[in-house]
Every structure is written in C-alpha cells, then in structure tokens.
C-alpha cells in the first residue's frame, strides 16, 4: 500500500467519523484545519484508524502526531507498507 492509498482510506475514515463528506486530508492537515476534529473525535479517529490498519499507537506516539503526514508515516512504519 502506498501513501496515496493510505490517504484515500484515511479520508474515508475521517469523513465517516466526523460526518463530514467534504474532508480532504493532505500531508499538512492538522486538527485546527478541520472544525469537527476536537479532542473527543480524535480518540474516535485513532481507534478507527488502529482497527482499520491493524496497528496500535501508544499515548506518546499519539501525542507526537502533529499533522496527518506524521500519522501516515506511523501507519507505514507500524504496518510495514
């Protein structure tokens, strides 16, 4: 799986979890860029992402994620894509 495929899947997860069909993530997207993305929905997103990609993030790793590109890097690192 390449980065584009991961972004496509993340877009679907974010759209579903945030109930916002017009979300389009890129490397530099942050929670501040998406109105519906707050601390509560962040937990929902992480759980959905972990299930979907069959990975697990520690609290420290989650805290270190500053933008979606960081998340994609961790998914690749943990899943071996």
PDB file of N, CA and C in Angstrom:
ATOM      1  N   UNK A   1       0.856  -1.174   0.000  1.00  0.00           N
ATOM      2  CA  UNK A   1       0.000   0.000   0.000  1.00  0.00           C
ATOM      3  C   UNK A   1       0.901   1.236   0.000  1.00  0.00           C
ATOM      4  N   UNK A   2       0.578   2.186  -0.852  1.00  0.00           N
ATOM      5  CA  UNK A   2       1.391   3.398  -0.915  1.00  0.00           C
ATOM      6  C   UNK A   2       0.713   4.556  -0.170  1.00  0.00           C
ATOM      7  N   UNK A   3       1.388   5.672  -0.096  1.00  0.00           N
ATOM      8  CA  UNK A   3       0.886   6.829   0.650  1.00  0.00           C
ATOM      9  C   UNK A   3      -0.466   7.305   0.115  1.00  0.00           C
ATOM     10  N   UNK A   4      -0.636   7.302  -1.198  1.00  0.00           N
ATOM     11  CA  UNK A   4      -1.900   7.753  -1.782  1.00  0.00           C
ATOM     12  C   UNK A   4      -3.047   6.861  -1.329  1.00  0.00           C
ATOM     13  N   UNK A   5      -2.826   5.565  -1.334  1.00  0.00           N
ATOM     14  CA  UNK A   5      -3.863   4.636  -0.881  1.00  0.00           C
ATOM     15  C   UNK A   5      -4.181   4.838   0.602  1.00  0.00           C
ATOM     16  N   UNK A   6      -3.166   5.085   1.402  1.00  0.00           N
ATOM     17  CA  UNK A   6      -3.385   5.345   2.828  1.00  0.00           C
ATOM     18  C   UNK A   6      -4.190   6.627   3.000  1.00  0.00           C
ATOM     19  N   UNK A   7      -3.839   7.672   2.264  1.00  0.00           N
ATOM     20  CA  UNK A   7      -4.607   8.924   2.344  1.00  0.00           C
ATOM     21  C   UNK A   7      -6.051   8.710   1.925  1.00  0.00           C
ATOM     22  N   UNK A   8      -6.285   7.943   0.884  1.00  0.00           N
ATOM     23  CA  UNK A   8      -7.657   7.671   0.440  1.00  0.00           C
ATOM     24  C   UNK A   8      -8.448   6.978   1.542  1.00  0.00           C
ATOM     25  N   UNK A   9      -7.832   6.018   2.202  1.00  0.00           N
ATOM     26  CA  UNK A   9      -8.506   5.311   3.281  1.00  0.00           C
ATOM     27  C   UNK A   9      -8.711   6.200   4.498  1.00  0.00           C
ATOM     28  N   UNK A  10      -7.719   7.029   4.814  1.00  0.00           N
ATOM     29  CA  UNK A  10      -7.879   7.969   5.925  1.00  0.00           C
ATOM     30  C   UNK A  10      -8.990   8.972   5.643  1.00  0.00           C
ATOM     31  N   UNK A  11      -9.076   9.454   4.407  1.00  0.00           N
ATOM     32  CA  UNK A  11     -10.157  10.370   4.054  1.00  0.00           C
ATOM     33  C   UNK A  11     -11.509   9.735   4.344  1.00  0.00           C
ATOM     34  N   UNK A  12     -11.675   8.475   3.986  1.00  0.00           N
ATOM     35  CA  UNK A  12     -12.943   7.777   4.233  1.00  0.00           C
ATOM     36  C   UNK A  12     -13.216   7.641   5.729  1.00  0.00           C
ATOM     37  N   UNK A  13     -12.200   7.319   6.504  1.00  0.00           N
ATOM     38  CA  UNK A  13     -12.363   7.189   7.957  1.00  0.00           C
ATOM     39  C   UNK A  13     -12.750   8.534   8.557  1.00  0.00           C
ATOM     40  N   UNK A  14     -12.050   9.585   8.189  1.00  0.00           N
ATOM     41  CA  UNK A  14     -12.345  10.916   8.727  1.00  0.00           C
ATOM     42  C   UNK A  14     -13.745  11.359   8.324  1.00  0.00           C
ATOM     43  N   UNK A  15     -14.111  11.139   7.091  1.00  0.00           N
ATOM     44  CA  UNK A  15     -15.449  11.535   6.622  1.00  0.00           C
ATOM     45  C   UNK A  15     -16.537  10.814   7.406  1.00  0.00           C
ATOM     46  N   UNK A  16     -16.338   9.529   7.627  1.00  0.00           N
ATOM     47  CA  UNK A  16     -17.323   8.736   8.366  1.00  0.00           C
ATOM     48  C   UNK A  16     -17.392   9.163   9.833  1.00  0.00           C
ATOM     49  N   UNK A  17     -16.247   9.233  10.482  1.00  0.00           N
ATOM     50  CA  UNK A  17     -16.217   9.528  11.920  1.00  0.00           C
ATOM     51  C   UNK A  17     -16.651  10.957  12.241  1.00  0.00           C
ATOM     52  N   UNK A  18     -16.301  11.885  11.387  1.00  0.00           N
ATOM     53  CA  UNK A  18     -16.637  13.287  11.634  1.00  0.00           C
ATOM     54  C   UNK A  18     -17.932  13.706  10.949  1.00  0.00           C
ATOM     55  N   UNK A  19     -18.522  12.758  10.210  1.00  0.00           N
ATOM     56  CA  UNK A  19     -19.775  13.014   9.490  1.00  0.00           C
ATOM     57  C   UNK A  19     -19.666  14.269   8.628  1.00  0.00           C
ATOM     58  N   UNK A  20     -18.567  14.346   7.917  1.00  0.00           N
ATOM     59  CA  UNK A  20     -18.275  15.491   7.048  1.00  0.00           C
ATOM     60  C   UNK A  20     -17.760  14.956   5.711  1.00  0.00           C
ATOM     61  N   UNK A  21     -18.643  14.897   4.699  1.00  0.00           N
ATOM     62  CA  UNK A  21     -18.266  14.274   3.434  1.00  0.00           C
ATOM     63  C   UNK A  21     -17.256  15.048   2.591  1.00  0.00           C
ATOM     64  N   UNK A  22     -16.954  16.272   2.971  1.00  0.00           N
ATOM     65  CA  UNK A  22     -16.080  17.099   2.140  1.00  0.00           C
ATOM     66  C   UNK A  22     -14.660  17.231   2.672  1.00  0.00           C
ATOM     67  N   UNK A  23     -14.303  16.425   3.646  1.00  0.00           N
ATOM     68  CA  UNK A  23     -12.939  16.462   4.179  1.00  0.00           C
ATOM     69  C   UNK A  23     -11.984  15.889   3.140  1.00  0.00           C
ATOM     70  N   UNK A  24     -10.875  16.588   2.935  1.00  0.00           N
ATOM     71  CA  UNK A  24      -9.815  16.101   2.065  1.00  0.00           C
ATOM     72  C   UNK A  24      -8.498  16.348   2.781  1.00  0.00           C
ATOM     73  N   UNK A  25      -7.888  15.280   3.251  1.00  0.00           N
ATOM     74  CA  UNK A  25      -6.651  15.376   4.024  1.00  0.00           C
ATOM     75  C   UNK A  25      -5.444  15.475   3.116  1.00  0.00           C
ATOM     76  N   UNK A  26      -4.436  16.175   3.606  1.00  0.00           N
ATOM     77  CA  UNK A  26      -3.147  16.193   2.921  1.00  0.00           C
ATOM     78  C   UNK A  26      -2.048  16.096   3.975  1.00  0.00           C
ATOM     79  N   UNK A  27      -0.843  16.092   3.529  1.00  0.00           N
ATOM     80  CA  UNK A  27       0.335  15.922   4.389  1.00  0.00           C
ATOM     81  C   UNK A  27       0.353  16.888   5.578  1.00  0.00           C
ATOM     82  N   UNK A  28      -0.123  18.104   5.366  1.00  0.00           N
ATOM     83  CA  UNK A  28      -0.020  19.144   6.393  1.00  0.00           C
ATOM     84  C   UNK A  28      -1.302  19.417   7.154  1.00  0.00           C
ATOM     85  N   UNK A  29      -2.367  18.640   6.922  1.00  0.00           N
ATOM     86  CA  UNK A  29      -3.627  18.845   7.627  1.00  0.00           C
ATOM     87  C   UNK A  29      -3.431  18.604   9.119  1.00  0.00           C
ATOM     88  N   UNK A  30      -3.989  19.522   9.923  1.00  0.00           N
ATOM     89  CA  UNK A  30      -3.966  19.381  11.384  1.00  0.00           C
ATOM     90  C   UNK A  30      -5.400  19.477  11.900  1.00  0.00           C
ATOM     91  N   UNK A  31      -5.578  19.175  13.171  1.00  0.00           N
ATOM     92  CA  UNK A  31      -6.898  19.277  13.789  1.00  0.00           C
ATOM     93  C   UNK A  31      -7.445  20.699  13.678  1.00  0.00           C
ATOM     94  N   UNK A  32      -6.582  21.687  13.705  1.00  0.00           N
ATOM     95  CA  UNK A  32      -7.020  23.079  13.596  1.00  0.00           C
ATOM     96  C   UNK A  32      -7.635  23.384  12.231  1.00  0.00           C
ATOM     97  N   UNK A  33      -7.349  22.570  11.241  1.00  0.00           N
ATOM     98  CA  UNK A  33      -7.874  22.784   9.893  1.00  0.00           C
ATOM     99  C   UNK A  33      -9.267  22.200   9.691  1.00  0.00           C
ATOM    100  N   UNK A  34      -9.722  21.369  10.622  1.00  0.00           N
ATOM    101  CA  UNK A  34     -10.998  20.671  10.468  1.00  0.00           C
ATOM    102  C   UNK A  34     -11.872  20.997  11.681  1.00  0.00           C
ATOM    103  N   UNK A  35     -12.937  21.740  11.453  1.00  0.00           N
ATOM    104  CA  UNK A  35     -13.793  22.208  12.552  1.00  0.00           C
ATOM    105  C   UNK A  35     -14.282  21.084  13.466  1.00  0.00           C
ATOM    106  N   UNK A  36     -14.650  19.970  12.906  1.00  0.00           N
ATOM    107  CA  UNK A  36     -15.235  18.871  13.679  1.00  0.00           C
ATOM    108  C   UNK A  36     -14.202  18.040  14.446  1.00  0.00           C
ATOM    109  N   UNK A  37     -12.934  18.269  14.207  1.00  0.00           N
ATOM    110  CA  UNK A  37     -11.869  17.461  14.800  1.00  0.00           C
ATOM    111  C   UNK A  37     -11.432  18.070  16.120  1.00  0.00           C
ATOM    112  N   UNK A  38     -11.974  17.536  17.213  1.00  0.00           N
ATOM    113  CA  UNK A  38     -11.610  18.009  18.547  1.00  0.00           C
ATOM    114  C   UNK A  38     -11.021  16.855  19.353  1.00  0.00           C
ATOM    115  N   UNK A  39     -10.807  17.061  20.627  1.00  0.00           N
ATOM    116  CA  UNK A  39     -10.132  16.036  21.435  1.00  0.00           C
ATOM    117  C   UNK A  39     -10.954  14.750  21.549  1.00  0.00           C
ATOM    118  N   UNK A  40     -12.259  14.876  21.600  1.00  0.00           N
ATOM    119  CA  UNK A  40     -13.116  13.687  21.691  1.00  0.00           C
ATOM    120  C   UNK A  40     -13.109  12.920  20.374  1.00  0.00           C
ATOM    121  N   UNK A  41     -13.298  13.629  19.275  1.00  0.00           N
ATOM    122  CA  UNK A  41     -13.311  12.945  17.985  1.00  0.00           C
ATOM    123  C   UNK A  41     -11.924  12.410  17.643  1.00  0.00           C
ATOM    124  N   UNK A  42     -10.888  13.008  18.189  1.00  0.00           N
ATOM    125  CA  UNK A  42      -9.534  12.498  17.964  1.00  0.00           C
ATOM    126  C   UNK A  42      -9.417  11.066  18.478  1.00  0.00           C
ATOM    127  N   UNK A  43     -10.006  10.806  19.629  1.00  0.00           N
ATOM    128  CA  UNK A  43      -9.979   9.450  20.190  1.00  0.00           C
ATOM    129  C   UNK A  43     -10.717   8.488  19.259  1.00  0.00           C
ATOM    130  N   UNK A  44     -11.882   8.893  18.786  1.00  0.00           N
ATOM    131  CA  UNK A  44     -12.659   8.065  17.861  1.00  0.00           C
ATOM    132  C   UNK A  44     -11.862   7.795  16.584  1.00  0.00           C
ATOM    133  N   UNK A  45     -11.218   8.820  16.078  1.00  0.00           N
ATOM    134  CA  UNK A  45     -10.421   8.667  14.859  1.00  0.00           C
ATOM    135  C   UNK A  45      -9.277   7.677  15.066  1.00  0.00           C
ATOM    136  N   UNK A  46      -8.560   7.828  16.158  1.00  0.00           N
ATOM    137  CA  UNK A  46      -7.423   6.951  16.430  1.00  0.00           C
ATOM    138  C   UNK A  46      -7.879   5.504  16.547  1.00  0.00           C
ATOM    139  N   UNK A  47      -8.962   5.268  17.269  1.00  0.00           N
ATOM    140  CA  UNK A  47      -9.477   3.901  17.422  1.00  0.00           C
ATOM    141  C   UNK A  47      -9.856   3.328  16.057  1.00  0.00           C
ATOM    142  N   UNK A  48     -10.552   4.098  15.248  1.00  0.00           N
ATOM    143  CA  UNK A  48     -10.950   3.630  13.911  1.00  0.00           C
ATOM    144  C   UNK A  48      -9.739   3.359  13.022  1.00  0.00           C
ATOM    145  N   UNK A  49      -8.751   4.238  13.106  1.00  0.00           N
ATOM    146  CA  UNK A  49      -7.526   4.069  12.305  1.00  0.00           C
ATOM    147  C   UNK A  49      -6.767   2.825  12.750  1.00  0.00           C
ATOM    148  N   UNK A  50      -6.653   2.643  14.058  1.00  0.00           N
ATOM    149  CA  UNK A  50      -5.963   1.452  14.566  1.00  0.00           C
ATOM    150  C   UNK A  50      -6.661   0.179  14.093  1.00  0.00           C
ATOM    151  N   UNK A  51      -7.959   0.149  14.166  1.00  0.00           N
ATOM    152  CA  UNK A  51      -8.711  -1.033  13.719  1.00  0.00           C
ATOM    153  C   UNK A  51      -8.543  -1.254  12.217  1.00  0.00           C
ATOM    154  N   UNK A  52      -8.712  -0.191  11.457  1.00  0.00           N
ATOM    155  CA  UNK A  52      -8.665  -0.305  10.006  1.00  0.00           C
ATOM    156  C   UNK A  52      -7.304  -0.801   9.511  1.00  0.00           C
ATOM    157  N   UNK A  53      -6.242  -0.200  10.030  1.00  0.00           N
ATOM    158  CA  UNK A  53      -4.897  -0.539   9.562  1.00  0.00           C
ATOM    159  C   UNK A  53      -4.236  -1.634  10.400  1.00  0.00           C
ATOM    160  N   UNK A  54      -4.946  -2.111  11.424  1.00  0.00           N
ATOM    161  CA  UNK A  54      -4.441  -3.158  12.312  1.00  0.00           C
ATOM    162  C   UNK A  54      -3.085  -2.784  12.910  1.00  0.00           C
ATOM    163  N   UNK A  55      -3.056  -1.585  13.483  1.00  0.00           N
ATOM    164  CA  UNK A  55      -1.872  -1.082  14.172  1.00  0.00           C
ATOM    165  C   UNK A  55      -2.308  -0.587  15.547  1.00  0.00           C
ATOM    166  N   UNK A  56      -1.348  -0.290  16.389  1.00  0.00           N
ATOM    167  CA  UNK A  56      -1.630   0.244  17.712  1.00  0.00           C
ATOM    168  C   UNK A  56      -0.641   1.363  18.010  1.00  0.00           C
ATOM    169  N   UNK A  57      -1.166   2.460  18.534  1.00  0.00           N
ATOM    170  CA  UNK A  57      -0.342   3.611  18.881  1.00  0.00           C
ATOM    171  C   UNK A  57      -0.302   3.778  20.389  1.00  0.00           C
ATOM    172  N   UNK A  58       0.865   4.086  20.917  1.00  0.00           N
ATOM    173  CA  UNK A  58       0.988   4.399  22.340  1.00  0.00           C
ATOM    174  C   UNK A  58       0.509   5.831  22.565  1.00  0.00           C
ATOM    175  N   UNK A  59       0.250   6.152  23.804  1.00  0.00           N
ATOM    176  CA  UNK A  59      -0.158   7.518  24.145  1.00  0.00           C
ATOM    177  C   UNK A  59       0.905   8.522  23.709  1.00  0.00           C
ATOM    178  N   UNK A  60       2.156   8.154  23.893  1.00  0.00           N
ATOM    179  CA  UNK A  60       3.260   9.030  23.498  1.00  0.00           C
ATOM    180  C   UNK A  60       3.250   9.265  21.993  1.00  0.00           C
ATOM    181  N   UNK A  61       3.058   8.201  21.220  1.00  0.00           N
ATOM    182  CA  UNK A  61       3.025   8.344  19.763  1.00  0.00           C
ATOM    183  C   UNK A  61       1.869   9.239  19.323  1.00  0.00           C
ATOM    184  N   UNK A  62       0.714   9.059  19.945  1.00  0.00           N
ATOM    185  CA  UNK A  62      -0.448   9.883  19.596  1.00  0.00           C
ATOM    186  C   UNK A  62      -0.149  11.343  19.900  1.00  0.00           C
ATOM    187  N   UNK A  63       0.446  11.587  21.031  1.00  0.00           N
ATOM    188  CA  UNK A  63       0.778  12.964  21.423  1.00  0.00           C
ATOM    189  C   UNK A  63       1.777  13.608  20.456  1.00  0.00           C
ATOM    190  N   UNK A  64       2.654  12.816  19.886  1.00  0.00           N
ATOM    191  CA  UNK A  64       3.680  13.337  18.975  1.00  0.00           C
ATOM    192  C   UNK A  64       3.154  13.621  17.570  1.00  0.00           C
ATOM    193  N   UNK A  65       1.955  13.139  17.243  1.00  0.00           N
ATOM    194  CA  UNK A  65       1.378  13.370  15.915  1.00  0.00           C
ATOM    195  C   UNK A  65       0.928  14.816  15.815  1.00  0.00           C
ATOM    196  N   UNK A  66       1.547  15.565  14.944  1.00  0.00           N
ATOM    197  CA  UNK A  66       1.219  16.987  14.791  1.00  0.00           C
ATOM    198  C   UNK A  66       0.406  17.285  13.545  1.00  0.00           C
ATOM    199  N   UNK A  67       0.520  16.414  12.546  1.00  0.00           N
ATOM    200  CA  UNK A  67      -0.202  16.605  11.286  1.00  0.00           C
ATOM    201  C   UNK A  67      -0.481  15.235  10.685  1.00  0.00           C
ATOM    202  N   UNK A  68      -1.350  15.197   9.700  1.00  0.00           N
ATOM    203  CA  UNK A  68      -1.746  13.925   9.109  1.00  0.00           C
ATOM    204  C   UNK A  68      -0.549  13.208   8.476  1.00  0.00           C
ATOM    205  N   UNK A  69       0.387  13.944   7.928  1.00  0.00           N
ATOM    206  CA  UNK A  69       1.582  13.328   7.363  1.00  0.00           C
ATOM    207  C   UNK A  69       2.335  12.500   8.397  1.00  0.00           C
ATOM    208  N   UNK A  70       2.369  12.971   9.644  1.00  0.00           N
ATOM    209  CA  UNK A  70       3.001  12.206  10.728  1.00  0.00           C
ATOM    210  C   UNK A  70       2.248  10.898  10.965  1.00  0.00           C
ATOM    211  N   UNK A  71       0.928  10.970  10.909  1.00  0.00           N
ATOM    212  CA  UNK A  71       0.096   9.790  11.081  1.00  0.00           C
ATOM    213  C   UNK A  71       0.368   8.767   9.977  1.00  0.00           C
ATOM    214  N   UNK A  72       0.443   9.223   8.753  1.00  0.00           N
ATOM    215  CA  UNK A  72       0.731   8.336   7.627  1.00  0.00           C
ATOM    216  C   UNK A  72       2.097   7.679   7.817  1.00  0.00           C
ATOM    217  N   UNK A  73       3.082   8.455   8.245  1.00  0.00           N
ATOM    218  CA  UNK A  73       4.421   7.896   8.499  1.00  0.00           C
ATOM    219  C   UNK A  73       4.361   6.774   9.536  1.00  0.00           C
ATOM    220  N   UNK A  74       3.597   6.976  10.616  1.00  0.00           N
ATOM    221  CA  UNK A  74       3.486   5.957  11.679  1.00  0.00           C
ATOM    222  C   UNK A  74       2.755   4.726  11.164  1.00  0.00           C
ATOM    223  N   UNK A  75       1.705   4.926  10.364  1.00  0.00           N
ATOM    224  CA  UNK A  75       0.983   3.782   9.806  1.00  0.00           C
ATOM    225  C   UNK A  75       1.928   2.941   8.946  1.00  0.00           C
ATOM    226  N   UNK A  76       2.698   3.596   8.096  1.00  0.00           N
ATOM    227  CA  UNK A  76       3.647   2.887   7.245  1.00  0.00           C
ATOM    228  C   UNK A  76       4.681   2.153   8.091  1.00  0.00           C
ATOM    229  N   UNK A  77       5.204   2.846   9.091  1.00  0.00           N
ATOM    230  CA  UNK A  77       6.221   2.266   9.957  1.00  0.00           C
ATOM    231  C   UNK A  77       5.687   1.030  10.697  1.00  0.00           C
ATOM    232  N   UNK A  78       4.484   1.111  11.224  1.00  0.00           N
ATOM    233  CA  UNK A  78       3.933   0.040  12.044  1.00  0.00           C
ATOM    234  C   UNK A  78       3.368  -1.114  11.219  1.00  0.00           C
ATOM    235  N   UNK A  79       2.891  -0.818  10.030  1.00  0.00           N
ATOM    236  CA  UNK A  79       2.240  -1.861   9.239  1.00  0.00           C
ATOM    237  C   UNK A  79       3.181  -2.506   8.227  1.00  0.00           C
ATOM    238  N   UNK A  80       4.308  -1.869   7.975  1.00  0.00           N
ATOM    239  CA  UNK A  80       5.259  -2.426   7.022  1.00  0.00           C
ATOM    240  C   UNK A  80       4.892  -2.192   5.574  1.00  0.00           C
ATOM    241  N   UNK A  81       3.998  -1.234   5.316  1.00  0.00           N
ATOM    242  CA  UNK A  81       3.614  -0.931   3.917  1.00  0.00           C
ATOM    243  C   UNK A  81       4.781  -0.312   3.189  1.00  0.00           C
TER     244      UNK A  81
END
